[in-house]
Amino acid sequence: MISGAACADHHMEDMSERELCTKQCPTCGKPAADPFRPFCSRRCANVDLNRWLSGVYAVPVKEEEDEDGTPSAKGGDEAS
């Protein structure tokens, strides 16, 4: 892992290296660890996976629109 001083010295040379210095675990906020990136540990990675699988992370959907964004036909609005 790159130290804070190394981050300051090379901040203009290599953006990806700089990003590695500032990334935090999205679950707990600790610095990310290389083997579990973007997480700090296997535990935090598993917590995030459980959130995805249990539906905690969900994209809100408007029920009045079809998949393509056009208004859906209501019960009496359908053409015969």
N, C-alpha and C. Protein backbone atom coordinates (compact mmCIF):
# COMPACT_ATOMS: atom_id res chain seq x y z
N MET A 1 0.85 -1.17 0.00
CA MET A 1 0.00 0.00 0.00
C MET A 1 0.89 1.23 0.00
N ILE A 2 0.40 2.29 -0.55
CA ILE A 2 1.15 3.52 -0.70
C ILE A 2 0.90 4.40 0.52
N SER A 3 1.99 4.98 1.04
CA SER A 3 1.84 5.83 2.22
C SER A 3 1.28 7.19 1.83
N GLY A 4 0.82 7.95 2.81
CA GLY A 4 0.27 9.27 2.56
C GLY A 4 1.29 10.21 1.94
N ALA A 5 2.54 10.12 2.37
CA ALA A 5 3.59 10.97 1.81
C ALA A 5 3.83 10.64 0.35
N ALA A 6 3.80 9.35 0.01
CA ALA A 6 3.98 8.95 -1.38
C ALA A 6 2.83 9.47 -2.23
N CYS A 7 1.64 9.53 -1.67
CA CYS A 7 0.48 10.05 -2.39
C CYS A 7 0.69 11.51 -2.73
N ALA A 8 1.19 12.29 -1.76
CA ALA A 8 1.39 13.72 -1.98
C ALA A 8 2.50 13.95 -3.00
N ASP A 9 3.54 13.14 -2.98
CA ASP A 9 4.67 13.32 -3.89
C ASP A 9 4.32 13.00 -5.33
N HIS A 10 3.45 12.06 -5.55
CA HIS A 10 3.17 11.58 -6.90
C HIS A 10 1.76 11.89 -7.37
N HIS A 11 1.12 12.89 -6.80
CA HIS A 11 -0.28 13.13 -7.11
C HIS A 11 -0.51 13.56 -8.55
N MET A 12 0.46 14.11 -9.23
CA MET A 12 0.28 14.52 -10.61
C MET A 12 0.80 13.48 -11.59
N GLU A 13 1.61 12.55 -11.15
CA GLU A 13 2.25 11.60 -12.06
C GLU A 13 1.34 10.45 -12.45
N ASP A 14 0.66 9.87 -11.51
CA ASP A 14 -0.10 8.65 -11.79
C ASP A 14 -1.45 8.72 -11.08
N MET A 15 -2.50 9.02 -11.83
CA MET A 15 -3.83 9.17 -11.23
C MET A 15 -4.30 7.89 -10.56
N SER A 16 -4.06 6.73 -11.16
CA SER A 16 -4.54 5.49 -10.57
C SER A 16 -3.87 5.24 -9.22
N GLU A 17 -2.61 5.60 -9.10
CA GLU A 17 -1.91 5.45 -7.84
C GLU A 17 -2.51 6.40 -6.81
N ARG A 18 -2.85 7.60 -7.22
CA ARG A 18 -3.47 8.58 -6.33
C ARG A 18 -4.83 8.08 -5.87
N GLU A 19 -5.60 7.53 -6.78
CA GLU A 19 -6.92 7.02 -6.41
C GLU A 19 -6.82 5.91 -5.39
N LEU A 20 -5.78 5.08 -5.50
CA LEU A 20 -5.60 4.00 -4.53
C LEU A 20 -5.38 4.56 -3.13
N CYS A 21 -4.78 5.73 -3.03
CA CYS A 21 -4.50 6.34 -1.73
C CYS A 21 -5.77 6.83 -1.05
N THR A 22 -6.75 7.28 -1.83
CA THR A 22 -7.91 7.94 -1.26
C THR A 22 -9.14 7.05 -1.18
N LYS A 23 -9.11 5.87 -1.74
CA LYS A 23 -10.30 5.01 -1.74
C LYS A 23 -10.55 4.45 -0.35
N GLN A 24 -11.83 4.49 0.01
CA GLN A 24 -12.25 3.94 1.29
C GLN A 24 -13.23 2.81 1.06
N CYS A 25 -13.32 1.92 2.01
CA CYS A 25 -14.27 0.83 1.96
C CYS A 25 -15.68 1.41 1.95
N PRO A 26 -16.53 1.03 0.98
CA PRO A 26 -17.88 1.57 0.93
C PRO A 26 -18.77 1.07 2.08
N THR A 27 -18.37 0.01 2.74
CA THR A 27 -19.17 -0.54 3.83
C THR A 27 -18.87 0.13 5.16
N CYS A 28 -17.58 0.27 5.50
CA CYS A 28 -17.23 0.79 6.83
C CYS A 28 -16.41 2.07 6.80
N GLY A 29 -15.85 2.44 5.66
CA GLY A 29 -15.09 3.68 5.56
C GLY A 29 -13.60 3.56 5.85
N LYS A 30 -13.13 2.38 6.22
CA LYS A 30 -11.69 2.18 6.44
C LYS A 30 -10.97 2.19 5.09
N PRO A 31 -9.65 2.37 5.09
CA PRO A 31 -8.91 2.31 3.81
C PRO A 31 -9.06 0.95 3.15
N ALA A 32 -9.23 0.94 1.83
CA ALA A 32 -9.40 -0.30 1.09
C ALA A 32 -8.10 -1.10 1.09
N ALA A 33 -8.22 -2.43 1.08
CA ALA A 33 -7.07 -3.32 1.03
C ALA A 33 -7.01 -3.96 -0.35
N ASP A 34 -5.80 -4.10 -0.89
CA ASP A 34 -5.63 -4.62 -2.24
C ASP A 34 -6.33 -5.96 -2.50
N PRO A 35 -6.21 -6.95 -1.62
CA PRO A 35 -6.84 -8.24 -1.95
C PRO A 35 -8.37 -8.20 -1.99
N PHE A 36 -8.97 -7.20 -1.37
CA PHE A 36 -10.43 -7.14 -1.28
C PHE A 36 -11.00 -5.88 -1.94
N ARG A 37 -10.21 -5.16 -2.68
CA ARG A 37 -10.58 -3.89 -3.28
C ARG A 37 -11.93 -3.99 -3.95
N PRO A 38 -12.85 -3.10 -3.73
CA PRO A 38 -12.75 -1.81 -3.08
C PRO A 38 -13.02 -1.87 -1.58
N PHE A 39 -13.09 -3.05 -1.02
CA PHE A 39 -13.40 -3.21 0.40
C PHE A 39 -12.12 -3.34 1.22
N CYS A 40 -12.25 -3.25 2.54
CA CYS A 40 -11.09 -3.37 3.42
C CYS A 40 -10.86 -4.82 3.86
N SER A 41 -11.90 -5.64 3.78
CA SER A 41 -11.78 -7.03 4.25
C SER A 41 -12.83 -7.90 3.57
N ARG A 42 -12.65 -9.20 3.73
CA ARG A 42 -13.62 -10.14 3.18
C ARG A 42 -14.98 -9.95 3.87
N ARG A 43 -14.96 -9.61 5.15
CA ARG A 43 -16.20 -9.39 5.88
C ARG A 43 -17.03 -8.27 5.24
N CYS A 44 -16.39 -7.14 4.96
CA CYS A 44 -17.12 -6.02 4.35
C CYS A 44 -17.61 -6.39 2.95
N ALA A 45 -16.82 -7.15 2.21
CA ALA A 45 -17.26 -7.61 0.88
C ALA A 45 -18.49 -8.49 1.01
N ASN A 46 -18.51 -9.37 2.01
CA ASN A 46 -19.65 -10.25 2.21
C ASN A 46 -20.88 -9.49 2.70
N VAL A 47 -20.68 -8.47 3.52
CA VAL A 47 -21.80 -7.63 3.97
C VAL A 47 -22.44 -6.96 2.76
N ASP A 48 -21.61 -6.43 1.84
CA ASP A 48 -22.12 -5.77 0.64
C ASP A 48 -22.85 -6.77 -0.26
N LEU A 49 -22.28 -7.97 -0.42
CA LEU A 49 -22.94 -9.00 -1.23
C LEU A 49 -24.29 -9.37 -0.65
N ASN A 50 -24.37 -9.50 0.67
CA ASN A 50 -25.65 -9.82 1.32
C ASN A 50 -26.67 -8.71 1.07
N ARG A 51 -26.22 -7.46 1.10
CA ARG A 51 -27.14 -6.35 0.83
C ARG A 51 -27.70 -6.44 -0.59
N TRP A 52 -26.83 -6.77 -1.56
CA TRP A 52 -27.31 -6.91 -2.93
C TRP A 52 -28.30 -8.07 -3.05
N LEU A 53 -27.96 -9.21 -2.48
CA LEU A 53 -28.80 -10.40 -2.62
C LEU A 53 -30.12 -10.29 -1.87
N SER A 54 -30.15 -9.52 -0.79
CA SER A 54 -31.39 -9.38 -0.02
C SER A 54 -32.26 -8.23 -0.51
N GLY A 55 -31.80 -7.49 -1.51
CA GLY A 55 -32.62 -6.44 -2.10
C GLY A 55 -32.53 -5.09 -1.42
N VAL A 56 -31.53 -4.90 -0.55
CA VAL A 56 -31.37 -3.60 0.10
C VAL A 56 -31.03 -2.55 -0.94
N TYR A 57 -30.15 -2.91 -1.89
CA TYR A 57 -29.82 -2.02 -2.99
C TYR A 57 -30.82 -2.29 -4.11
N ALA A 58 -31.64 -1.32 -4.42
CA ALA A 58 -32.63 -1.49 -5.48
C ALA A 58 -32.79 -0.18 -6.24
N VAL A 59 -33.06 -0.32 -7.52
CA VAL A 59 -33.29 0.85 -8.35
C VAL A 59 -34.78 1.17 -8.29
N PRO A 60 -35.14 2.40 -7.92
CA PRO A 60 -36.55 2.74 -7.86
C PRO A 60 -37.17 2.73 -9.26
N VAL A 61 -38.39 2.23 -9.36
CA VAL A 61 -39.07 2.11 -10.64
C VAL A 61 -40.41 2.82 -10.55
N LYS A 62 -40.74 3.55 -11.60
CA LYS A 62 -42.06 4.16 -11.70
C LYS A 62 -42.98 3.13 -12.34
N GLU A 63 -44.02 2.75 -11.66
CA GLU A 63 -44.91 1.71 -12.15
C GLU A 63 -45.71 2.13 -13.38
N GLU A 64 -45.89 3.44 -13.59
CA GLU A 64 -46.71 3.89 -14.71
C GLU A 64 -45.95 3.90 -16.03
N GLU A 65 -44.68 3.53 -16.05
CA GLU A 65 -43.92 3.51 -17.28
C GLU A 65 -43.49 2.09 -17.63
N ASP A 66 -43.47 1.80 -18.95
CA ASP A 66 -42.95 0.53 -19.43
C ASP A 66 -41.44 0.55 -19.36
N GLU A 67 -40.80 -0.55 -19.76
CA GLU A 67 -39.35 -0.64 -19.73
C GLU A 67 -38.68 0.40 -20.60
N ASP A 68 -39.32 0.79 -21.72
CA ASP A 68 -38.70 1.76 -22.63
C ASP A 68 -39.01 3.21 -22.25
N GLY A 69 -39.74 3.43 -21.16
CA GLY A 69 -40.02 4.78 -20.69
C GLY A 69 -41.32 5.36 -21.19
N THR A 70 -42.02 4.65 -22.06
CA THR A 70 -43.29 5.15 -22.55
C THR A 70 -44.39 4.82 -21.55
N PRO A 71 -45.42 5.65 -21.47
CA PRO A 71 -46.51 5.37 -20.53
C PRO A 71 -47.17 4.03 -20.85
N SER A 72 -47.42 3.24 -19.81
CA SER A 72 -48.07 1.95 -20.02
C SER A 72 -49.56 2.12 -20.19
N ALA A 73 -50.17 1.19 -20.90
CA ALA A 73 -51.61 1.21 -21.15
C ALA A 73 -52.33 0.75 -19.88
N LYS A 74 -53.32 1.50 -19.46
CA LYS A 74 -54.13 1.12 -18.29
C LYS A 74 -55.20 0.12 -18.75
N GLY A 75 -55.96 -0.40 -17.85
CA GLY A 75 -56.96 -1.40 -18.16
C GLY A 75 -57.96 -0.97 -19.25
N GLY A 76 -58.48 0.23 -19.23
CA GLY A 76 -59.47 0.68 -20.20
C GLY A 76 -58.87 1.41 -21.39
N ASP A 77 -57.55 1.63 -21.39
CA ASP A 77 -56.90 2.41 -22.42
C ASP A 77 -56.36 1.58 -23.57
N GLU A 78 -56.45 0.26 -23.48
CA GLU A 78 -55.88 -0.60 -24.51
C GLU A 78 -56.71 -0.55 -25.79
N ALA A 79 -56.03 -0.56 -26.94
CA ALA A 79 -56.73 -0.57 -28.22
C ALA A 79 -57.25 -1.97 -28.51
N SER A 80 -58.43 -2.07 -29.11
CA SER A 80 -59.01 -3.39 -29.41
C SER A 80 -58.65 -3.83 -30.78
